[in-house]
Amino acid sequence: MKIEEVKGTTKTQCISAHSHIKGLDLDNEQRAICNAGGLAGQEQAREAAGIVVELIRRKKMAGRAVLPSGPPGTGKNFNNL
């Protein structure tokens, strides 16, 4: 007996707990914009993540990894979203 999967015609939408966050909200000089776009706090962590994003855009991160480290409450898990 052959079993076939029948896919529905309705479109599905992925919604996560943080779907309201659209970016790091940094200005042109890579400084954090306070309380913009669903983000509040963690200005230093967002600016640090902006540096990594810029390196990726310039294709300078090929074959490399980033390991966030630091004490609790410094934005490690936040930036991994």
Protein backbone atom coordinates (compact mmCIF):
# COMPACT_ATOMS: atom_id res chain seq x y z
CA MET A 1 0.00 0.00 0.00
CA LYS A 2 1.43 3.37 -1.01
CA ILE A 3 0.86 6.23 1.42
CA GLU A 4 0.89 9.74 0.04
CA GLU A 5 0.95 12.96 1.99
CA VAL A 6 -1.68 15.46 0.97
CA LYS A 7 -0.70 19.03 1.69
CA GLY A 8 -3.41 21.56 2.40
CA THR A 9 -3.91 24.67 0.31
CA THR A 10 -3.91 27.05 3.26
CA LYS A 11 -0.78 29.08 3.88
CA THR A 12 0.89 28.82 7.25
CA GLN A 13 2.66 31.63 9.00
CA CYS A 14 5.50 31.19 11.47
CA ILE A 15 5.03 33.30 14.55
CA SER A 16 7.54 33.26 17.35
CA ALA A 17 7.59 34.84 20.77
CA HIS A 18 9.83 37.59 19.43
CA SER A 19 8.24 38.22 16.02
CA HIS A 20 7.82 41.91 16.91
CA ILE A 21 11.59 42.42 16.86
CA LYS A 22 12.69 43.52 13.39
CA GLY A 23 16.37 44.35 13.91
CA LEU A 24 19.00 45.73 16.25
CA ASP A 25 17.76 49.33 15.89
CA LEU A 26 21.13 50.97 15.38
CA ASP A 27 21.64 54.39 13.80
CA ASN A 28 24.03 55.09 10.92
CA GLU A 29 26.95 55.34 13.34
CA GLN A 30 26.14 51.91 14.85
CA ARG A 31 24.82 53.39 18.13
CA ALA A 32 21.73 51.88 19.74
CA ILE A 33 18.43 53.76 19.42
CA CYS A 34 16.61 53.64 22.77
CA ASN A 35 13.17 51.95 22.87
CA ALA A 36 12.80 51.55 19.11
CA GLY A 37 11.25 48.70 17.16
CA GLY A 38 10.28 46.57 20.14
CA LEU A 39 13.70 46.62 21.76
CA ALA A 40 14.37 48.11 25.17
CA GLY A 41 17.68 48.14 27.00
CA GLN A 42 20.85 46.18 26.23
CA GLU A 43 22.34 49.09 24.28
CA GLN A 44 25.93 47.83 24.59
CA ALA A 45 24.94 44.30 23.58
CA ARG A 46 23.08 45.58 20.52
CA GLU A 47 26.03 47.72 19.47
CA ALA A 48 28.37 44.73 19.84
CA ALA A 49 26.02 42.60 17.74
CA GLY A 50 25.99 45.38 15.15
CA ILE A 51 29.75 45.00 14.76
CA VAL A 52 29.35 41.28 14.04
CA VAL A 53 26.51 41.96 11.58
CA GLU A 54 28.66 44.51 9.76
CA LEU A 55 31.54 42.02 9.50
CA ILE A 56 29.15 39.46 8.03
CA ARG A 57 27.85 41.99 5.49
CA ARG A 58 31.43 42.77 4.44
CA LYS A 59 32.13 39.03 4.14
CA LYS A 60 34.89 39.12 6.76
CA MET A 61 33.40 36.35 8.96
CA ALA A 62 33.66 33.40 6.58
CA GLY A 63 34.59 30.23 8.44
CA ARG A 64 34.52 31.94 11.84
CA ALA A 65 32.25 31.70 14.85
CA VAL A 66 31.24 34.03 17.66
CA LEU A 67 31.07 32.80 21.25
CA PRO A 68 29.25 35.33 23.46
CA SER A 69 30.54 35.37 27.04
CA GLY A 70 29.99 37.48 30.12
CA PRO A 71 28.09 37.71 33.38
CA PRO A 72 24.31 37.23 33.62
CA GLY A 73 22.18 40.02 32.21
CA THR A 74 24.63 41.26 29.58
CA GLY A 75 22.59 40.32 26.50
CA LYS A 76 24.12 37.03 25.40
CA ASN A 77 20.85 35.18 24.78
CA PHE A 78 19.13 38.35 23.60
CA ASN A 79 21.57 38.77 20.72
CA ASN A 80 21.25 35.13 19.71
CA LEU A 81 17.63 35.71 18.74
